[in-house]
């Protein structure tokens, strides 16, 4: 009779649950039983572990073997339990001292040849182990940098089961041939979700966007540039409506470069989500710039908010957490998928319920919508080039529901670029660097104002707290209150106007919003001119 135990981690969304892996050997007919609600890939670990132990030079015990995963009531998924199961079996057969295994968390898949392969979700798994009080973790060598992001944890990266057994038994560690540079790494095969980047619109490279994009490339569009700056400074959602070729997509693509770098806490949150999705950029264990996600308009509700068959996966709203979610050609998305965004926009997270359990993904993103004004794209209040009948225009614009648009703080009409603007010499607007400096300063002012609270951006403040603790100057909200009485604004809308007014005040360096700041916020929300300059230094 032999018994040994070690630990691993199962993921529920982006949250980890430490699982005790127990191995028990009893006299009897040789058999291998795995219990504790394993899924299909975990059940198959019996064959992987047996082959890996034998091919690593070990002896497989010819007894009745039972491996239990505790707590048994929590569903376990994935192949990340392989090395924990193998070491528990070797501990029960006294190849490894069981006392050495009990305080170690092991995460990794085993190949049939004994090599240790990476799995998704290393960062959230190690975070869960650290929160549970564990100080030692074993991970695949290629994922050691990701695991080392967690402070207070000693990380051991191994290439093979042979190396791990040698370390645990104080024997000489055998050399394993490293992967040759500039060659595809077979250990990484299958780690990424197939088509994950294409399906969600996420992009590789630093920050997930082309850093060669600059706001100075956008011709004209003074109002839209101001709206982009305000949206970035306060985390406000933005709706850009205008004809094709006016620059809506160009503005949205430049939004991530205006946002400041992520702080440590936000970086770990974003990295954890991308790790679970299998979308971490190669060679970058920590994502420290705002992500950018632009799914195609054919994306389903599951692709946007998360879910899918089997284990729920993060969707576009979570992959753009702390970054930008850009929905180009918004009316072409299904209305069901668009309306599913309403709850994440308010809550900052998405909860996906399945029969096997409930998972929660973070989803605090800056949403940018872009749409043509009509099916032909030429509808305008200033000319009659549009060929669409009024009924077609109404149907097209009605594809965006009122409740969704009510959650959008800034609504801007993007006019067609004129010949004069396009051919003007030396008329380039401000660069991304200049605008990003103002955005960073405005966010610093807001963070200082909210010191000691759980909020950092104006868009995050609950309406009740906003009205009671951070009021505008006396009389500044009179126009907004009259708009509420006339039905132009809802109760949610007037709170959002006040939030935007605070952002405008932060950009302008005001201690609190005055009548001019509120007027600009109202103009950016309703599109009705109110005689205020459409620039805070932007777009000149």
Protein backbone atom coordinates (compact mmCIF):
# COMPACT_ATOMS: atom_id res chain seq x y z
CA UNK A 1 0.00 0.00 0.00
CA UNK A 2 1.27 3.47 -0.89
CA UNK A 3 -0.14 6.96 -0.74
CA UNK A 4 1.07 10.39 -1.89
CA UNK A 5 -0.46 13.74 -2.61
CA UNK A 6 0.46 16.95 -4.36
CA UNK A 7 -1.50 19.90 -5.75
CA UNK A 8 -2.52 21.47 -9.02
CA UNK A 9 -5.03 24.15 -10.10
CA UNK A 10 -8.22 24.10 -12.10
CA UNK A 11 -9.59 27.28 -13.65
CA UNK A 12 -13.13 28.57 -13.39
CA UNK A 13 -13.12 31.50 -15.79
CA UNK A 14 -10.01 33.47 -14.82
CA UNK A 15 -10.15 32.36 -11.20
CA UNK A 16 -8.20 29.34 -10.01
CA UNK A 17 -9.18 26.65 -7.51
CA UNK A 18 -6.37 24.66 -5.88
CA UNK A 19 -6.96 20.92 -6.29
CA UNK A 20 -5.30 18.23 -4.20
CA UNK A 21 -4.14 15.32 -6.36
CA UNK A 22 -4.04 12.09 -4.33
CA UNK A 23 -2.65 8.75 -5.49
CA UNK A 24 -3.36 5.47 -3.71
CA UNK A 25 -1.81 2.07 -4.53
CA UNK A 26 -3.50 -1.13 -3.32
CA UNK A 27 -2.79 -4.81 -3.97
CA UNK A 28 -4.97 -6.19 -6.71
CA UNK A 29 -5.42 -6.39 -10.44
CA UNK A 30 -3.51 -3.60 -12.21
CA UNK A 31 -5.91 -0.78 -13.02
CA UNK A 32 -5.87 3.02 -13.16
CA UNK A 33 -8.97 4.86 -11.94
CA UNK A 34 -9.30 8.66 -12.02
CA UNK A 35 -12.07 10.21 -9.91
CA UNK A 36 -13.14 13.77 -9.01
CA UNK A 37 -15.26 15.08 -11.94
CA UNK A 38 -12.55 15.08 -14.65
CA UNK A 39 -13.44 16.14 -18.19
CA UNK A 40 -12.50 14.18 -21.32
CA UNK A 41 -9.00 15.63 -21.74
CA UNK A 42 -8.23 15.03 -18.06
CA UNK A 43 -9.54 11.47 -18.20
CA UNK A 44 -7.15 10.80 -21.08
CA UNK A 45 -4.23 11.77 -18.80
CA UNK A 46 -4.16 8.15 -17.62
CA UNK A 47 -2.62 7.10 -20.93
CA UNK A 48 -0.39 10.16 -21.23
CA UNK A 49 0.99 9.82 -17.71
CA UNK A 50 1.65 6.08 -18.01
CA UNK A 51 3.53 6.51 -21.30
CA UNK A 52 5.46 9.53 -19.99
CA UNK A 53 6.62 7.70 -16.86
CA UNK A 54 7.75 4.62 -18.81
CA UNK A 55 9.49 6.65 -21.54
CA UNK A 56 11.26 8.70 -18.88
CA UNK A 57 12.92 5.59 -17.50
CA UNK A 58 10.51 5.01 -14.63
CA UNK A 59 8.66 1.87 -13.63
CA UNK A 60 4.89 1.87 -13.72
CA UNK A 61 3.36 0.20 -10.63
CA UNK A 62 1.48 -2.99 -11.45
CA UNK A 63 -1.16 -2.55 -8.76
CA UNK A 64 -4.61 -1.14 -8.34
CA UNK A 65 -4.09 2.62 -8.70
CA UNK A 66 -6.68 5.26 -7.77
CA UNK A 67 -6.07 8.96 -8.34
CA UNK A 68 -8.49 11.35 -6.68
CA UNK A 69 -8.95 15.04 -7.39
CA UNK A 70 -10.23 16.94 -4.37
CA UNK A 71 -12.55 18.80 -3.87
CA UNK A 72 -14.54 16.24 -5.81
CA UNK A 73 -17.51 18.58 -6.27
CA UNK A 74 -15.58 21.03 -8.48
CA UNK A 75 -15.43 20.11 -12.19
CA UNK A 76 -11.83 19.74 -13.45
CA UNK A 77 -10.84 20.44 -17.02
CA UNK A 78 -7.72 20.43 -19.15
CA UNK A 79 -4.41 18.62 -19.32
CA UNK A 80 -2.61 20.80 -16.77
CA UNK A 81 -2.91 18.09 -14.09
CA UNK A 82 -0.57 15.65 -15.88
CA UNK A 83 2.67 16.31 -14.02
CA UNK A 84 0.85 16.44 -10.67
CA UNK A 85 -0.75 13.06 -11.37
CA UNK A 86 2.59 11.58 -12.50
CA UNK A 87 4.44 12.80 -9.41
CA UNK A 88 1.67 11.62 -7.08
CA UNK A 89 1.85 8.15 -8.64
CA UNK A 90 5.66 8.11 -8.36
CA UNK A 91 5.32 9.24 -4.74
CA UNK A 92 2.86 6.46 -3.93
CA UNK A 93 5.29 3.94 -5.47
CA UNK A 94 8.11 5.47 -3.35
CA UNK A 95 10.15 6.63 -6.34
CA UNK A 96 9.80 10.13 -4.86
CA UNK A 97 9.54 10.95 -1.16
CA UNK A 98 5.83 11.82 -0.61
CA UNK A 99 6.76 14.46 1.96
CA UNK A 100 8.51 16.48 -0.74
CA UNK A 101 5.38 16.68 -2.88
CA UNK A 102 2.76 17.85 -0.40
CA UNK A 103 3.61 21.58 -0.46
CA UNK A 104 4.22 21.98 -4.20
CA UNK A 105 1.75 23.04 -6.90
CA UNK A 106 2.39 21.45 -10.30
CA UNK A 107 0.93 22.70 -13.56
CA UNK A 108 1.71 21.28 -16.99
CA UNK A 109 0.84 18.71 -19.63
CA UNK A 110 2.97 15.65 -20.38
CA UNK A 111 3.82 14.40 -23.82
CA UNK A 112 4.13 10.66 -24.37
CA UNK A 113 7.91 11.05 -24.42
CA UNK A 114 7.92 12.75 -21.01
CA UNK A 115 8.40 16.30 -22.19
CA UNK A 116 6.46 18.94 -20.24
CA UNK A 117 4.17 21.02 -22.44
CA UNK A 118 2.62 24.42 -21.61
CA UNK A 119 -1.06 24.91 -20.92
CA UNK A 120 -3.35 27.93 -20.95
CA UNK A 121 -3.93 29.98 -17.83
CA UNK A 122 -0.54 29.67 -16.12
CA UNK A 123 -0.74 33.17 -14.60
CA UNK A 124 -4.20 32.88 -12.99
CA UNK A 125 -3.32 29.38 -11.80
CA UNK A 126 -0.15 30.57 -10.04
CA UNK A 127 -2.05 33.54 -8.61
CA UNK A 128 -4.55 31.10 -7.08
CA UNK A 129 -1.71 29.01 -5.65
CA UNK A 130 -0.12 32.09 -4.09
CA UNK A 131 -3.45 33.17 -2.58
CA UNK A 132 -3.81 29.70 -1.06
CA UNK A 133 -0.43 30.07 0.68
CA UNK A 134 1.76 27.93 -1.57
CA UNK A 135 5.32 29.14 -2.11
CA UNK A 136 6.59 26.64 -4.70
CA UNK A 137 5.19 25.92 -8.15
CA UNK A 138 6.41 23.74 -11.00
CA UNK A 139 5.55 24.83 -14.55
CA UNK A 140 6.85 24.15 -18.06
CA UNK A 141 10.12 25.96 -18.69
CA UNK A 142 8.67 27.99 -21.56
CA UNK A 143 5.97 29.36 -19.19
CA UNK A 144 8.29 30.13 -16.27
CA UNK A 145 8.49 33.83 -17.14
CA UNK A 146 4.70 34.11 -17.01
CA UNK A 147 4.55 32.30 -13.64
CA UNK A 148 7.34 34.49 -12.25
CA UNK A 149 5.08 37.54 -12.54
CA UNK A 150 3.44 36.49 -9.27
CA UNK A 151 5.40 37.82 -6.28
CA UNK A 152 6.28 35.61 -3.33
CA UNK A 153 6.34 32.36 -5.30
CA UNK A 154 9.39 30.27 -6.16
CA UNK A 155 9.04 29.02 -9.75
CA UNK A 156 10.73 25.89 -11.10
CA UNK A 157 10.61 25.57 -14.88
CA UNK A 158 11.27 22.07 -16.27
CA UNK A 159 11.54 20.66 -19.77
CA UNK A 160 10.75 17.05 -18.95
CA UNK A 161 9.47 14.67 -16.31
CA UNK A 162 13.00 13.27 -15.98
CA UNK A 163 14.30 16.67 -14.93
CA UNK A 164 11.51 17.13 -12.40
CA UNK A 165 12.05 13.72 -10.80
CA UNK A 166 15.79 14.41 -10.57
CA UNK A 167 15.19 17.73 -8.80
CA UNK A 168 12.72 16.19 -6.34
CA UNK A 169 15.06 13.28 -5.51
CA UNK A 170 18.27 15.33 -5.30
CA UNK A 171 19.82 13.48 -8.23
CA UNK A 172 21.89 15.00 -11.06
CA UNK A 173 19.56 16.85 -13.42
CA UNK A 174 19.80 15.43 -16.95
CA UNK A 175 20.30 17.78 -19.86
CA UNK A 176 17.47 18.17 -22.33
CA UNK A 177 18.08 19.51 -25.79
CA UNK A 178 16.75 23.09 -26.06
CA UNK A 179 14.60 24.13 -28.97
CA UNK A 180 16.67 25.43 -31.87
CA UNK A 181 16.19 29.16 -32.46
CA UNK A 182 14.08 30.30 -35.43
CA UNK A 183 12.31 26.97 -35.60
CA UNK A 184 8.67 26.34 -34.69
CA UNK A 185 8.40 25.05 -31.13
CA UNK A 186 6.37 21.80 -31.13
CA UNK A 187 5.69 22.27 -27.41
CA UNK A 188 3.62 25.35 -28.22
CA UNK A 189 1.48 23.54 -30.78
CA UNK A 190 -2.18 23.67 -29.80
CA UNK A 191 -1.61 26.14 -26.97
CA UNK A 192 -3.43 28.92 -28.82
CA UNK A 193 -7.12 28.66 -29.56
CA UNK A 194 -7.52 27.84 -33.23
CA UNK A 195 -8.48 31.03 -35.00
CA UNK A 196 -8.74 32.88 -31.69
CA UNK A 197 -7.10 36.02 -32.93
CA UNK A 198 -9.09 36.13 -36.15
CA UNK A 199 -12.42 35.38 -34.52
CA UNK A 200 -12.15 38.11 -31.91
CA UNK A 201 -10.22 40.68 -33.89
CA UNK A 202 -7.33 40.80 -31.45
CA UNK A 203 -4.02 41.78 -32.96
CA UNK A 204 -0.49 40.76 -32.18
CA UNK A 205 2.36 43.07 -31.33
CA UNK A 206 2.74 45.52 -28.49
CA UNK A 207 -0.64 46.66 -27.30
CA UNK A 208 -2.41 44.74 -30.06
CA UNK A 209 -2.26 47.61 -32.57
CA UNK A 210 0.09 49.15 -35.11
CA UNK A 211 2.12 51.75 -33.25
CA UNK A 212 2.87 53.44 -36.59
CA UNK A 213 -0.68 54.83 -36.50
CA UNK A 214 -0.72 58.48 -35.45
CA UNK A 215 -3.62 60.87 -34.82
CA UNK A 216 -1.88 63.39 -37.05
CA UNK A 217 -2.76 61.13 -40.00
CA UNK A 218 -6.47 61.94 -39.56
CA UNK A 219 -7.45 64.84 -41.82
CA UNK A 220 -9.87 67.38 -40.33
CA UNK A 221 -12.51 65.93 -37.96
CA UNK A 222 -11.96 68.42 -35.17
CA UNK A 223 -15.11 67.34 -33.29
CA UNK A 224 -14.34 63.62 -33.63
CA UNK A 225 -10.74 64.11 -32.48
CA UNK A 226 -11.98 65.97 -29.41
CA UNK A 227 -14.42 63.13 -28.71
CA UNK A 228 -11.61 60.58 -28.97
CA UNK A 229 -9.51 62.56 -26.50
CA UNK A 230 -12.39 62.89 -24.03
CA UNK A 231 -13.26 59.20 -24.38
CA UNK A 232 -9.67 58.16 -23.70
CA UNK A 233 -9.27 60.51 -20.73
CA UNK A 234 -12.43 59.41 -18.92
CA UNK A 235 -13.02 55.88 -20.25
CA UNK A 236 -16.25 56.97 -21.97
CA UNK A 237 -17.95 54.94 -24.71
CA UNK A 238 -18.01 56.57 -28.15
CA UNK A 239 -20.30 56.35 -31.19
CA UNK A 240 -18.95 57.66 -34.51
CA UNK A 241 -21.50 58.06 -37.31
CA UNK A 242 -20.60 59.26 -40.77
CA UNK A 243 -20.17 58.38 -44.44
CA UNK A 244 -17.63 55.83 -45.69
CA UNK A 245 -14.06 57.10 -45.88
CA UNK A 246 -14.52 59.91 -43.37
CA UNK A 247 -11.97 58.47 -40.93
CA UNK A 248 -14.07 56.58 -38.34
CA UNK A 249 -11.89 53.47 -38.42
CA UNK A 250 -8.69 55.52 -38.44
CA UNK A 251 -9.78 57.31 -35.27
CA UNK A 252 -10.71 54.06 -33.52
CA UNK A 253 -7.44 52.36 -34.46
CA UNK A 254 -5.50 55.23 -32.91
CA UNK A 255 -7.40 55.13 -29.64
CA UNK A 256 -5.13 52.51 -27.92
CA UNK A 257 -2.02 54.61 -28.53
CA UNK A 258 -3.67 57.56 -26.75
CA UNK A 259 -4.38 55.48 -23.64
CA UNK A 260 -1.68 55.42 -20.95
CA UNK A 261 0.28 52.22 -20.17
CA UNK A 262 -1.44 49.77 -17.83
CA UNK A 263 -0.45 49.76 -14.18
CA UNK A 264 0.71 46.55 -12.51
CA UNK A 265 -2.73 45.46 -11.32
CA UNK A 266 -4.39 46.09 -14.67
CA UNK A 267 -1.52 44.36 -16.51
CA UNK A 268 -1.99 41.20 -14.46
CA UNK A 269 -5.75 41.26 -15.10
CA UNK A 270 -5.31 41.63 -18.86
CA UNK A 271 -2.53 39.04 -19.00
CA UNK A 272 -4.64 36.54 -17.06
CA UNK A 273 -7.53 36.83 -19.52
CA UNK A 274 -5.26 36.45 -22.56
CA UNK A 275 -3.46 33.54 -20.91
CA UNK A 276 -6.75 31.68 -20.38
CA UNK A 277 -7.70 32.39 -24.00
CA UNK A 278 -4.31 31.21 -25.30
CA UNK A 279 -3.61 34.59 -26.89
CA UNK A 280 -0.51 35.79 -25.07
CA UNK A 281 1.91 37.33 -27.60
CA UNK A 282 5.05 35.19 -28.00
CA UNK A 283 7.91 36.39 -25.82
CA UNK A 284 5.70 38.81 -23.87
CA UNK A 285 4.59 37.20 -20.60
CA UNK A 286 3.14 40.52 -19.35
CA UNK A 287 0.79 42.74 -21.39
CA UNK A 288 1.39 46.30 -20.24
CA UNK A 289 -0.38 48.26 -22.98
CA UNK A 290 -4.10 48.65 -23.63
CA UNK A 291 -5.46 45.75 -25.74
CA UNK A 292 -7.43 46.42 -28.91
CA UNK A 293 -10.15 44.09 -30.15
CA UNK A 294 -12.12 44.61 -33.37
CA UNK A 295 -14.36 41.61 -34.17
CA UNK A 296 -16.01 41.25 -37.56
CA UNK A 297 -19.69 42.09 -37.73
CA UNK A 298 -20.51 38.42 -38.32
CA UNK A 299 -19.41 37.63 -34.74
CA UNK A 300 -21.95 35.73 -32.65
CA UNK A 301 -23.14 36.62 -29.17
CA UNK A 302 -20.78 33.98 -27.74
CA UNK A 303 -17.84 35.50 -29.62
CA UNK A 304 -18.62 38.92 -28.15
CA UNK A 305 -19.50 38.16 -24.52
CA UNK A 306 -17.88 34.73 -24.13
CA UNK A 307 -19.10 31.18 -23.76
CA UNK A 308 -19.10 28.48 -26.41
CA UNK A 309 -19.45 24.71 -26.10
CA UNK A 310 -17.82 22.96 -23.16
CA UNK A 311 -15.63 25.18 -21.03
CA UNK A 312 -16.67 28.82 -21.38
CA UNK A 313 -14.01 30.96 -23.05
CA UNK A 314 -13.58 34.74 -22.77
CA UNK A 315 -15.17 36.75 -25.55
CA UNK A 316 -14.25 40.05 -27.17
CA UNK A 317 -15.54 42.11 -24.22
CA UNK A 318 -13.07 40.34 -21.93
CA UNK A 319 -10.18 40.29 -24.40
CA UNK A 320 -10.55 44.09 -24.59
CA UNK A 321 -10.61 44.46 -20.78
CA UNK A 322 -8.79 47.69 -19.83
CA UNK A 323 -8.54 48.47 -23.53
CA UNK A 324 -10.65 49.25 -26.60
CA UNK A 325 -13.48 47.23 -28.15
CA UNK A 326 -14.16 48.54 -31.66
CA UNK A 327 -17.34 47.47 -33.43
CA UNK A 328 -17.03 48.69 -37.01
CA UNK A 329 -20.20 48.64 -39.15
CA UNK A 330 -22.17 48.29 -35.92
CA UNK A 331 -25.65 48.06 -37.53
CA UNK A 332 -24.48 44.93 -39.37
CA UNK A 333 -24.02 43.04 -36.07
CA UNK A 334 -26.99 40.97 -34.94
CA UNK A 335 -29.27 42.87 -32.58
CA UNK A 336 -29.12 39.96 -30.13
CA UNK A 337 -25.33 40.19 -29.94
CA UNK A 338 -25.35 43.98 -29.53
CA UNK A 339 -27.97 43.97 -26.78
CA UNK A 340 -25.93 41.34 -24.92
CA UNK A 341 -23.35 44.10 -24.37
CA UNK A 342 -25.69 46.14 -22.20
CA UNK A 343 -24.98 44.31 -18.93
CA UNK A 344 -21.16 44.21 -19.29
CA UNK A 345 -21.19 47.94 -20.11
CA UNK A 346 -22.80 48.67 -16.76
CA UNK A 347 -21.25 45.98 -14.55
CA UNK A 348 -17.67 45.85 -15.84
CA UNK A 349 -17.78 42.06 -15.93
CA UNK A 350 -19.71 39.28 -17.65
CA UNK A 351 -21.22 36.25 -15.91
CA UNK A 352 -21.77 33.12 -18.03
CA UNK A 353 -24.05 30.44 -16.58
CA UNK A 354 -23.73 26.82 -17.67
CA UNK A 355 -25.14 23.59 -16.29
CA UNK A 356 -21.67 22.72 -14.97
CA UNK A 357 -21.31 26.02 -13.15
CA UNK A 358 -20.98 29.78 -13.46
CA UNK A 359 -17.87 31.62 -14.67
CA UNK A 360 -17.09 35.31 -14.37
CA UNK A 361 -14.80 37.22 -16.73
CA UNK A 362 -13.70 40.86 -16.32
CA UNK A 363 -15.05 43.19 -19.00
CA UNK A 364 -14.27 46.83 -18.21
CA UNK A 365 -13.57 48.15 -21.69
CA UNK A 366 -13.90 51.34 -23.72
CA UNK A 367 -16.38 50.69 -26.51
CA UNK A 368 -16.15 52.50 -29.83
CA UNK A 369 -19.04 52.07 -32.28
CA UNK A 370 -18.84 53.14 -35.93
CA UNK A 371 -21.70 53.23 -38.40
CA UNK A 372 -22.82 54.71 -41.68
CA UNK A 373 -25.88 56.96 -41.46
CA UNK A 374 -27.87 54.85 -43.94
CA UNK A 375 -27.51 51.78 -46.20
CA UNK A 376 -25.88 53.79 -49.01
CA UNK A 377 -23.77 55.76 -46.52
CA UNK A 378 -24.46 59.20 -48.04
CA UNK A 379 -27.31 60.48 -45.87
CA UNK A 380 -26.64 63.96 -44.52
CA UNK A 381 -28.63 66.90 -43.20
CA UNK A 382 -26.65 69.25 -45.47
CA UNK A 383 -27.14 67.66 -48.91
CA UNK A 384 -29.46 65.32 -50.82
CA UNK A 385 -27.05 62.80 -52.31
CA UNK A 386 -28.62 59.92 -50.37
CA UNK A 387 -30.71 57.58 -52.53
CA UNK A 388 -32.28 55.62 -49.66
CA UNK A 389 -36.01 56.01 -48.97
CA UNK A 390 -36.85 57.43 -45.51
CA UNK A 391 -38.23 54.08 -44.36
CA UNK A 392 -34.92 52.34 -45.19
CA UNK A 393 -32.97 54.99 -43.27
CA UNK A 394 -35.21 54.58 -40.24
CA UNK A 395 -34.91 50.78 -40.32
CA UNK A 396 -31.13 50.98 -40.65
CA UNK A 397 -30.69 53.40 -37.77
CA UNK A 398 -33.15 51.42 -35.60
CA UNK A 399 -30.78 48.44 -35.62
CA UNK A 400 -29.01 50.10 -32.68
CA UNK A 401 -31.42 49.89 -29.77
CA UNK A 402 -32.18 52.86 -27.55
CA UNK A 403 -31.01 51.14 -24.34
CA UNK A 404 -27.62 50.38 -25.93
CA UNK A 405 -27.13 53.94 -27.21
CA UNK A 406 -28.20 55.34 -23.84
CA UNK A 407 -25.08 53.69 -22.39
CA UNK A 408 -22.86 55.52 -24.90
CA UNK A 409 -21.55 58.79 -23.47
CA UNK A 410 -20.33 60.45 -26.68
CA UNK A 411 -22.17 60.50 -30.02
CA UNK A 412 -20.41 62.34 -32.82
CA UNK A 413 -21.22 62.89 -36.48
CA UNK A 414 -18.11 62.47 -38.61
CA UNK A 415 -18.42 64.64 -41.70
CA UNK A 416 -16.98 63.74 -45.09
CA UNK A 417 -13.51 65.15 -45.66
CA UNK A 418 -13.56 68.12 -48.03
CA UNK A 419 -11.18 68.73 -50.91
CA UNK A 420 -9.81 71.79 -49.14
CA UNK A 421 -9.01 69.82 -45.98
CA UNK A 422 -7.41 66.98 -47.91
CA UNK A 423 -5.16 69.21 -50.04
CA UNK A 424 -4.24 71.75 -47.36
CA UNK A 425 -0.48 72.04 -46.78
CA UNK A 426 0.75 71.94 -43.18
CA UNK A 427 -2.75 71.32 -41.79
CA UNK A 428 -1.89 68.15 -39.86
CA UNK A 429 -3.52 67.92 -36.47
CA UNK A 430 -1.84 67.18 -33.19
CA UNK A 431 0.21 64.01 -32.90
CA UNK A 432 -0.68 61.05 -30.73
CA UNK A 433 2.13 61.94 -28.32
CA UNK A 434 0.71 65.41 -27.61
CA UNK A 435 -2.83 64.12 -27.06
CA UNK A 436 -1.62 61.17 -24.97
CA UNK A 437 0.20 63.58 -22.63
CA UNK A 438 -3.02 65.50 -21.99
CA UNK A 439 -4.93 62.25 -21.48
CA UNK A 440 -2.37 61.05 -18.95
CA UNK A 441 -2.50 64.35 -17.05
CA UNK A 442 -6.32 64.26 -16.96
CA UNK A 443 -6.30 60.69 -15.64
CA UNK A 444 -3.81 61.67 -12.95
CA UNK A 445 -6.11 64.50 -11.83
CA UNK A 446 -9.05 62.09 -11.65
CA UNK A 447 -7.02 59.46 -9.77
CA UNK A 448 -5.95 62.08 -7.20
CA UNK A 449 -9.58 63.15 -6.74
CA UNK A 450 -10.71 59.54 -6.24
CA UNK A 451 -7.87 58.60 -3.90
CA UNK A 452 -9.13 56.25 -1.21
CA UNK A 453 -12.06 55.04 -3.34
CA UNK A 454 -12.32 51.95 -5.59
CA UNK A 455 -12.63 54.15 -8.71
CA UNK A 456 -9.98 55.63 -10.97
CA UNK A 457 -11.90 56.99 -13.98
CA UNK A 458 -14.84 59.36 -14.25
CA UNK A 459 -16.82 56.75 -16.20
CA UNK A 460 -16.66 54.34 -13.23
CA UNK A 461 -18.34 56.59 -10.63
CA UNK A 462 -21.88 55.50 -9.62
CA UNK A 463 -24.49 58.18 -10.23
CA UNK A 464 -25.44 58.49 -6.57
CA UNK A 465 -21.82 59.11 -5.52
CA UNK A 466 -21.33 61.48 -8.43
CA UNK A 467 -24.31 63.68 -7.54
CA UNK A 468 -23.59 63.77 -3.82
CA UNK A 469 -19.78 64.07 -3.66
CA UNK A 470 -18.60 65.50 -6.98
CA UNK A 471 -21.07 68.14 -8.12
CA UNK A 472 -20.57 70.69 -10.88
CA UNK A 473 -20.33 74.42 -10.23
CA UNK A 474 -23.61 76.10 -9.14
CA UNK A 475 -25.91 76.54 -12.14
CA UNK A 476 -23.64 74.60 -14.50
CA UNK A 477 -26.14 71.73 -14.88
CA UNK A 478 -29.17 73.93 -15.65
CA UNK A 479 -29.21 73.13 -19.40
CA UNK A 480 -28.77 69.41 -18.71
CA UNK A 481 -31.65 69.43 -16.22
CA UNK A 482 -33.89 71.19 -18.75
CA UNK A 483 -32.97 68.50 -21.30
CA UNK A 484 -34.03 65.89 -18.74
CA UNK A 485 -37.40 67.60 -18.29
CA UNK A 486 -37.95 67.71 -22.08
CA UNK A 487 -37.13 64.01 -22.40
CA UNK A 488 -33.94 64.59 -24.38
CA UNK A 489 -31.92 62.94 -21.60
CA UNK A 490 -32.76 60.02 -19.34
CA UNK A 491 -31.78 59.82 -15.68
CA UNK A 492 -28.85 57.64 -16.75
CA UNK A 493 -28.05 60.13 -19.49
CA UNK A 494 -27.77 63.14 -17.17
CA UNK A 495 -25.36 61.20 -14.94
CA UNK A 496 -23.26 60.42 -17.98
CA UNK A 497 -23.26 64.08 -19.01
CA UNK A 498 -21.88 64.97 -15.57
CA UNK A 499 -19.19 62.30 -15.87
CA UNK A 500 -18.14 63.64 -19.28
CA UNK A 501 -18.17 67.20 -17.90
CA UNK A 502 -15.73 66.12 -15.18
CA UNK A 503 -13.47 64.65 -17.86
CA UNK A 504 -13.61 67.86 -19.89
CA UNK A 505 -12.76 69.79 -16.72
CA UNK A 506 -9.80 67.48 -16.03
CA UNK A 507 -8.50 68.02 -19.56
CA UNK A 508 -8.93 71.78 -19.25
CA UNK A 509 -7.36 71.92 -15.78
CA UNK A 510 -10.52 73.11 -13.99
CA UNK A 511 -11.15 72.24 -10.34
CA UNK A 512 -14.80 71.39 -11.09
CA UNK A 513 -17.00 71.50 -14.21
CA UNK A 514 -18.34 74.93 -15.14
CA UNK A 515 -21.16 75.79 -17.53
CA UNK A 516 -18.81 75.60 -20.54
CA UNK A 517 -17.62 72.10 -19.60
CA UNK A 518 -21.20 70.88 -19.20
CA UNK A 519 -22.21 72.50 -22.50
CA UNK A 520 -19.42 70.67 -24.32
CA UNK A 521 -20.43 67.41 -22.63
CA UNK A 522 -24.05 67.96 -23.71
CA UNK A 523 -22.98 68.73 -27.27
CA UNK A 524 -20.84 65.57 -27.43
CA UNK A 525 -23.74 63.48 -26.14
CA UNK A 526 -26.67 64.94 -28.08
CA UNK A 527 -24.96 66.36 -31.17
CA UNK A 528 -26.87 69.63 -30.76
CA UNK A 529 -24.57 72.67 -31.22
CA UNK A 530 -24.42 74.82 -28.09
CA UNK A 531 -22.00 77.52 -29.16
CA UNK A 532 -18.94 76.16 -27.36
CA UNK A 533 -15.55 75.54 -29.02
CA UNK A 534 -15.11 71.90 -30.00
CA UNK A 535 -11.50 71.70 -28.87
CA UNK A 536 -9.62 71.25 -25.64
CA UNK A 537 -6.40 71.70 -27.51
CA UNK A 538 -7.21 68.82 -29.81
CA UNK A 539 -7.76 68.68 -33.48
CA UNK A 540 -6.27 72.08 -34.30
